[in-house]
Amino acid sequence: MLAVRLEKQLEAAITRIAEATGSTKSSVVREAVVRYLEDREDILLAEQARKAGGRAKSIAEVRKSLGLDG
């Protein structure tokens, strides 16, 4: 378990989102943390690929490599 202290304005925003979505504050925070961590991991992986000399691919190349373009 983790306890986090938040500014009143941030907690109020979380409360508004929870009420608007019929969710709990814990669920809103959990989803936000998961999304943040996924985004940070994507950024780190992209930076590692760039440093390793990885070449960027066009969307057409990605679609073809995934078999999405017949």
PDB file of N, CA and C in Angstrom:
ATOM      1  N   MET A   1       0.847  -1.178   0.000  1.00  0.00           N
ATOM      2  CA  MET A   1       0.000   0.000   0.000  1.00  0.00           C
ATOM      3  C   MET A   1       0.889   1.235   0.000  1.00  0.00           C
ATOM      4  N   LEU A   2       0.375   2.292  -0.580  1.00  0.00           N
ATOM      5  CA  LEU A   2       1.124   3.534  -0.715  1.00  0.00           C
ATOM      6  C   LEU A   2       0.229   4.688  -0.304  1.00  0.00           C
ATOM      7  N   ALA A   3       0.746   5.576   0.498  1.00  0.00           N
ATOM      8  CA  ALA A   3       0.001   6.784   0.875  1.00  0.00           C
ATOM      9  C   ALA A   3       0.689   7.979   0.230  1.00  0.00           C
ATOM     10  N   VAL A   4      -0.109   8.859  -0.351  1.00  0.00           N
ATOM     11  CA  VAL A   4       0.427  10.013  -1.054  1.00  0.00           C
ATOM     12  C   VAL A   4      -0.303  11.260  -0.581  1.00  0.00           C
ATOM     13  N   ARG A   5       0.454  12.306  -0.312  1.00  0.00           N
ATOM     14  CA  ARG A   5      -0.161  13.582   0.057  1.00  0.00           C
ATOM     15  C   ARG A   5      -0.322  14.423  -1.197  1.00  0.00           C
ATOM     16  N   LEU A   6      -1.515  14.953  -1.387  1.00  0.00           N
ATOM     17  CA  LEU A   6      -1.809  15.753  -2.566  1.00  0.00           C
ATOM     18  C   LEU A   6      -2.300  17.138  -2.159  1.00  0.00           C
ATOM     19  N   GLU A   7      -2.047  18.106  -3.026  1.00  0.00           N
ATOM     20  CA  GLU A   7      -2.591  19.437  -2.799  1.00  0.00           C
ATOM     21  C   GLU A   7      -4.113  19.359  -2.856  1.00  0.00           C
ATOM     22  N   LYS A   8      -4.784  20.241  -2.152  1.00  0.00           N
ATOM     23  CA  LYS A   8      -6.249  20.237  -2.105  1.00  0.00           C
ATOM     24  C   LYS A   8      -6.860  20.369  -3.486  1.00  0.00           C
ATOM     25  N   GLN A   9      -6.252  21.194  -4.342  1.00  0.00           N
ATOM     26  CA  GLN A   9      -6.797  21.386  -5.692  1.00  0.00           C
ATOM     27  C   GLN A   9      -6.722  20.104  -6.509  1.00  0.00           C
ATOM     28  N   LEU A  10      -5.630  19.372  -6.368  1.00  0.00           N
ATOM     29  CA  LEU A  10      -5.483  18.119  -7.098  1.00  0.00           C
ATOM     30  C   LEU A  10      -6.472  17.079  -6.579  1.00  0.00           C
ATOM     31  N   GLU A  11      -6.621  17.008  -5.274  1.00  0.00           N
ATOM     32  CA  GLU A  11      -7.581  16.061  -4.713  1.00  0.00           C
ATOM     33  C   GLU A  11      -9.009  16.416  -5.142  1.00  0.00           C
ATOM     34  N   ALA A  12      -9.313  17.704  -5.207  1.00  0.00           N
ATOM     35  CA  ALA A  12     -10.640  18.131  -5.652  1.00  0.00           C
ATOM     36  C   ALA A  12     -10.877  17.722  -7.100  1.00  0.00           C
ATOM     37  N   ALA A  13      -9.870  17.847  -7.935  1.00  0.00           N
ATOM     38  CA  ALA A  13      -9.992  17.440  -9.338  1.00  0.00           C
ATOM     39  C   ALA A  13     -10.226  15.931  -9.432  1.00  0.00           C
ATOM     40  N   ILE A  14      -9.528  15.174  -8.625  1.00  0.00           N
ATOM     41  CA  ILE A  14      -9.704  13.714  -8.610  1.00  0.00           C
ATOM     42  C   ILE A  14     -11.119  13.372  -8.169  1.00  0.00           C
ATOM     43  N   THR A  15     -11.595  14.064  -7.159  1.00  0.00           N
ATOM     44  CA  THR A  15     -12.953  13.838  -6.671  1.00  0.00           C
ATOM     45  C   THR A  15     -13.976  14.140  -7.758  1.00  0.00           C
ATOM     46  N   ARG A  16     -13.792  15.244  -8.482  1.00  0.00           N
ATOM     47  CA  ARG A  16     -14.721  15.604  -9.561  1.00  0.00           C
ATOM     48  C   ARG A  16     -14.758  14.523 -10.635  1.00  0.00           C
ATOM     49  N   ILE A  17     -13.580  14.036 -11.021  1.00  0.00           N
ATOM     50  CA  ILE A  17     -13.509  12.990 -12.050  1.00  0.00           C
ATOM     51  C   ILE A  17     -14.173  11.707 -11.548  1.00  0.00           C
ATOM     52  N   ALA A  18     -13.907  11.343 -10.318  1.00  0.00           N
ATOM     53  CA  ALA A  18     -14.500  10.126  -9.752  1.00  0.00           C
ATOM     54  C   ALA A  18     -16.019  10.229  -9.734  1.00  0.00           C
ATOM     55  N   GLU A  19     -16.533  11.358  -9.297  1.00  0.00           N
ATOM     56  CA  GLU A  19     -17.983  11.535  -9.246  1.00  0.00           C
ATOM     57  C   GLU A  19     -18.591  11.540 -10.646  1.00  0.00           C
ATOM     58  N   ALA A  20     -17.924  12.192 -11.578  1.00  0.00           N
ATOM     59  CA  ALA A  20     -18.442  12.290 -12.945  1.00  0.00           C
ATOM     60  C   ALA A  20     -18.463  10.938 -13.643  1.00  0.00           C
ATOM     61  N   THR A  21     -17.539  10.061 -13.276  1.00  0.00           N
ATOM     62  CA  THR A  21     -17.445   8.755 -13.939  1.00  0.00           C
ATOM     63  C   THR A  21     -18.062   7.629 -13.120  1.00  0.00           C
ATOM     64  N   GLY A  22     -18.564   7.959 -11.928  1.00  0.00           N
ATOM     65  CA  GLY A  22     -19.141   6.924 -11.074  1.00  0.00           C
ATOM     66  C   GLY A  22     -18.092   5.975 -10.543  1.00  0.00           C
ATOM     67  N   SER A  23     -16.903   6.476 -10.372  1.00  0.00           N
ATOM     68  CA  SER A  23     -15.780   5.664  -9.923  1.00  0.00           C
ATOM     69  C   SER A  23     -15.351   6.110  -8.526  1.00  0.00           C
ATOM     70  N   THR A  24     -14.326   5.479  -8.011  1.00  0.00           N
ATOM     71  CA  THR A  24     -13.768   5.898  -6.728  1.00  0.00           C
ATOM     72  C   THR A  24     -12.518   6.739  -6.980  1.00  0.00           C
ATOM     73  N   LYS A  25     -12.136   7.515  -5.973  1.00  0.00           N
ATOM     74  CA  LYS A  25     -10.909   8.299  -6.099  1.00  0.00           C
ATOM     75  C   LYS A  25      -9.715   7.367  -6.274  1.00  0.00           C
ATOM     76  N   SER A  26      -9.719   6.248  -5.578  1.00  0.00           N
ATOM     77  CA  SER A  26      -8.614   5.292  -5.709  1.00  0.00           C
ATOM     78  C   SER A  26      -8.490   4.771  -7.133  1.00  0.00           C
ATOM     79  N   SER A  27      -9.624   4.480  -7.763  1.00  0.00           N
ATOM     80  CA  SER A  27      -9.598   3.987  -9.143  1.00  0.00           C
ATOM     81  C   SER A  27      -9.071   5.038 -10.103  1.00  0.00           C
ATOM     82  N   VAL A  28      -9.486   6.288  -9.896  1.00  0.00           N
ATOM     83  CA  VAL A  28      -9.015   7.379 -10.760  1.00  0.00           C
ATOM     84  C   VAL A  28      -7.502   7.523 -10.628  1.00  0.00           C
ATOM     85  N   VAL A  29      -7.005   7.527  -9.406  1.00  0.00           N
ATOM     86  CA  VAL A  29      -5.564   7.678  -9.180  1.00  0.00           C
ATOM     87  C   VAL A  29      -4.809   6.478  -9.728  1.00  0.00           C
ATOM     88  N   ARG A  30      -5.335   5.285  -9.507  1.00  0.00           N
ATOM     89  CA  ARG A  30      -4.674   4.071 -10.008  1.00  0.00           C
ATOM     90  C   ARG A  30      -4.557   4.115 -11.522  1.00  0.00           C
ATOM     91  N   GLU A  31      -5.660   4.477 -12.213  1.00  0.00           N
ATOM     92  CA  GLU A  31      -5.622   4.563 -13.673  1.00  0.00           C
ATOM     93  C   GLU A  31      -4.628   5.622 -14.143  1.00  0.00           C
ATOM     94  N   ALA A  32      -4.596   6.752 -13.455  1.00  0.00           N
ATOM     95  CA  ALA A  32      -3.658   7.823 -13.833  1.00  0.00           C
ATOM     96  C   ALA A  32      -2.213   7.359 -13.670  1.00  0.00           C
ATOM     97  N   VAL A  33      -1.928   6.645 -12.599  1.00  0.00           N
ATOM     98  CA  VAL A  33      -0.566   6.162 -12.363  1.00  0.00           C
ATOM     99  C   VAL A  33      -0.181   5.136 -13.424  1.00  0.00           C
ATOM    100  N   VAL A  34      -1.092   4.227 -13.734  1.00  0.00           N
ATOM    101  CA  VAL A  34      -0.810   3.211 -14.754  1.00  0.00           C
ATOM    102  C   VAL A  34      -0.516   3.876 -16.095  1.00  0.00           C
ATOM    103  N   ARG A  35      -1.362   4.840 -16.496  1.00  0.00           N
ATOM    104  CA  ARG A  35      -1.131   5.531 -17.765  1.00  0.00           C
ATOM    105  C   ARG A  35       0.189   6.287 -17.766  1.00  0.00           C
ATOM    106  N   TYR A  36       0.497   6.947 -16.660  1.00  0.00           N
ATOM    107  CA  TYR A  36       1.764   7.678 -16.561  1.00  0.00           C
ATOM    108  C   TYR A  36       2.944   6.717 -16.720  1.00  0.00           C
ATOM    109  N   LEU A  37       2.907   5.605 -16.011  1.00  0.00           N
ATOM    110  CA  LEU A  37       4.015   4.648 -16.079  1.00  0.00           C
ATOM    111  C   LEU A  37       4.159   4.059 -17.479  1.00  0.00           C
ATOM    112  N   GLU A  38       3.039   3.758 -18.135  1.00  0.00           N
ATOM    113  CA  GLU A  38       3.103   3.253 -19.509  1.00  0.00           C
ATOM    114  C   GLU A  38       3.731   4.292 -20.436  1.00  0.00           C
ATOM    115  N   ASP A  39       3.312   5.544 -20.287  1.00  0.00           N
ATOM    116  CA  ASP A  39       3.878   6.617 -21.117  1.00  0.00           C
ATOM    117  C   ASP A  39       5.374   6.782 -20.869  1.00  0.00           C
ATOM    118  N   ARG A  40       5.779   6.775 -19.604  1.00  0.00           N
ATOM    119  CA  ARG A  40       7.195   6.928 -19.267  1.00  0.00           C
ATOM    120  C   ARG A  40       8.013   5.765 -19.820  1.00  0.00           C
ATOM    121  N   GLU A  41       7.466   4.552 -19.745  1.00  0.00           N
ATOM    122  CA  GLU A  41       8.184   3.400 -20.284  1.00  0.00           C
ATOM    123  C   GLU A  41       8.348   3.537 -21.793  1.00  0.00           C
ATOM    124  N   ASP A  42       7.290   3.982 -22.484  1.00  0.00           N
ATOM    125  CA  ASP A  42       7.381   4.192 -23.935  1.00  0.00           C
ATOM    126  C   ASP A  42       8.464   5.214 -24.264  1.00  0.00           C
ATOM    127  N   ILE A  43       8.512   6.294 -23.499  1.00  0.00           N
ATOM    128  CA  ILE A  43       9.518   7.334 -23.721  1.00  0.00           C
ATOM    129  C   ILE A  43      10.918   6.780 -23.502  1.00  0.00           C
ATOM    130  N   LEU A  44      11.094   6.032 -22.418  1.00  0.00           N
ATOM    131  CA  LEU A  44      12.413   5.456 -22.137  1.00  0.00           C
ATOM    132  C   LEU A  44      12.850   4.490 -23.240  1.00  0.00           C
ATOM    133  N   LEU A  45      11.921   3.653 -23.703  1.00  0.00           N
ATOM    134  CA  LEU A  45      12.256   2.712 -24.777  1.00  0.00           C
ATOM    135  C   LEU A  45      12.615   3.441 -26.068  1.00  0.00           C
ATOM    136  N   ALA A  46      11.888   4.505 -26.371  1.00  0.00           N
ATOM    137  CA  ALA A  46      12.184   5.289 -27.576  1.00  0.00           C
ATOM    138  C   ALA A  46      13.561   5.943 -27.469  1.00  0.00           C
ATOM    139  N   GLU A  47      13.866   6.475 -26.289  1.00  0.00           N
ATOM    140  CA  GLU A  47      15.184   7.095 -26.082  1.00  0.00           C
ATOM    141  C   GLU A  47      16.295   6.067 -26.210  1.00  0.00           C
ATOM    142  N   GLN A  48      16.077   4.868 -25.670  1.00  0.00           N
ATOM    143  CA  GLN A  48      17.085   3.813 -25.774  1.00  0.00           C
ATOM    144  C   GLN A  48      17.297   3.411 -27.225  1.00  0.00           C
ATOM    145  N   ALA A  49      16.220   3.285 -27.975  1.00  0.00           N
ATOM    146  CA  ALA A  49      16.326   2.913 -29.390  1.00  0.00           C
ATOM    147  C   ALA A  49      17.066   3.993 -30.167  1.00  0.00           C
ATOM    148  N   ARG A  50      16.768   5.247 -29.869  1.00  0.00           N
ATOM    149  CA  ARG A  50      17.433   6.352 -30.563  1.00  0.00           C
ATOM    150  C   ARG A  50      18.923   6.346 -30.258  1.00  0.00           C
ATOM    151  N   LYS A  51      19.279   6.143 -29.004  1.00  0.00           N
ATOM    152  CA  LYS A  51      20.688   6.122 -28.613  1.00  0.00           C
ATOM    153  C   LYS A  51      21.420   4.936 -29.235  1.00  0.00           C
ATOM    154  N   ALA A  52      20.701   3.841 -29.445  1.00  0.00           N
ATOM    155  CA  ALA A  52      21.306   2.641 -30.026  1.00  0.00           C
ATOM    156  C   ALA A  52      21.383   2.741 -31.547  1.00  0.00           C
ATOM    157  N   GLY A  53      20.949   3.866 -32.094  1.00  0.00           N
ATOM    158  CA  GLY A  53      21.022   4.047 -33.538  1.00  0.00           C
ATOM    159  C   GLY A  53      19.838   3.469 -34.274  1.00  0.00           C
ATOM    160  N   GLY A  54      18.762   3.223 -33.551  1.00  0.00           N
ATOM    161  CA  GLY A  54      17.560   2.698 -34.201  1.00  0.00           C
ATOM    162  C   GLY A  54      17.011   3.677 -35.219  1.00  0.00           C
ATOM    163  N   ARG A  55      16.479   3.136 -36.294  1.00  0.00           N
ATOM    164  CA  ARG A  55      15.931   3.958 -37.357  1.00  0.00           C
ATOM    165  C   ARG A  55      14.422   4.055 -37.182  1.00  0.00           C
ATOM    166  N   ALA A  56      13.903   5.244 -37.328  1.00  0.00           N
ATOM    167  CA  ALA A  56      12.458   5.440 -37.253  1.00  0.00           C
ATOM    168  C   ALA A  56      11.801   4.804 -38.477  1.00  0.00           C
ATOM    169  N   LYS A  57      10.622   4.237 -38.272  1.00  0.00           N
ATOM    170  CA  LYS A  57       9.879   3.632 -39.373  1.00  0.00           C
ATOM    171  C   LYS A  57       8.647   4.472 -39.644  1.00  0.00           C
ATOM    172  N   SER A  58       8.282   4.518 -40.906  1.00  0.00           N
ATOM    173  CA  SER A  58       7.051   5.213 -41.270  1.00  0.00           C
ATOM    174  C   SER A  58       5.868   4.361 -40.843  1.00  0.00           C
ATOM    175  N   ILE A  59       4.704   4.993 -40.768  1.00  0.00           N
ATOM    176  CA  ILE A  59       3.505   4.238 -40.415  1.00  0.00           C
ATOM    177  C   ILE A  59       3.224   3.166 -41.456  1.00  0.00           C
ATOM    178  N   ALA A  60       3.538   3.433 -42.708  1.00  0.00           N
ATOM    179  CA  ALA A  60       3.341   2.446 -43.772  1.00  0.00           C
ATOM    180  C   ALA A  60       4.216   1.218 -43.537  1.00  0.00           C
ATOM    181  N   GLU A  61       5.477   1.439 -43.117  1.00  0.00           N
ATOM    182  CA  GLU A  61       6.379   0.317 -42.835  1.00  0.00           C
ATOM    183  C   GLU A  61       5.874  -0.505 -41.654  1.00  0.00           C
ATOM    184  N   VAL A  62       5.389   0.170 -40.633  1.00  0.00           N
ATOM    185  CA  VAL A  62       4.878  -0.533 -39.453  1.00  0.00           C
ATOM    186  C   VAL A  62       3.648  -1.353 -39.827  1.00  0.00           C
ATOM    187  N   ARG A  63       2.719  -0.745 -40.557  1.00  0.00           N
ATOM    188  CA  ARG A  63       1.509  -1.463 -40.973  1.00  0.00           C
ATOM    189  C   ARG A  63       1.869  -2.701 -41.799  1.00  0.00           C
ATOM    190  N   LYS A  64       2.814  -2.554 -42.718  1.00  0.00           N
ATOM    191  CA  LYS A  64       3.221  -3.678 -43.551  1.00  0.00           C
ATOM    192  C   LYS A  64       3.870  -4.779 -42.718  1.00  0.00           C
ATOM    193  N   SER A  65       4.752  -4.397 -41.772  1.00  0.00           N
ATOM    194  CA  SER A  65       5.436  -5.395 -40.948  1.00  0.00           C
ATOM    195  C   SER A  65       4.460  -6.147 -40.035  1.00  0.00           C
ATOM    196  N   LEU A  66       3.336  -5.516 -39.711  1.00  0.00           N
ATOM    197  CA  LEU A  66       2.316  -6.160 -38.872  1.00  0.00           C
ATOM    198  C   LEU A  66       1.270  -6.895 -39.697  1.00  0.00           C
ATOM    199  N   GLY A  67       1.423  -6.844 -41.020  1.00  0.00           N
ATOM    200  CA  GLY A  67       0.493  -7.543 -41.895  1.00  0.00           C
ATOM    201  C   GLY A  67      -0.867  -6.854 -41.985  1.00  0.00           C
ATOM    202  N   LEU A  68      -0.901  -5.565 -41.744  1.00  0.00           N
ATOM    203  CA  LEU A  68      -2.164  -4.832 -41.776  1.00  0.00           C
ATOM    204  C   LEU A  68      -2.515  -4.333 -43.166  1.00  0.00           C
ATOM    205  N   ASP A  69      -1.536  -4.300 -44.043  1.00  0.00           N
ATOM    206  CA  ASP A  69      -1.772  -3.862 -45.419  1.00  0.00           C
ATOM    207  C   ASP A  69      -1.545  -5.061 -46.341  1.00  0.00           C
ATOM    208  N   GLY A  70      -2.643  -5.720 -46.673  1.00  0.00           N
ATOM    209  CA  GLY A  70      -2.680  -6.902 -47.522  1.00  0.00           C
ATOM    210  C   GLY A  70      -1.579  -7.079 -48.430  1.00  0.00           C
TER     211      GLY A  70
END
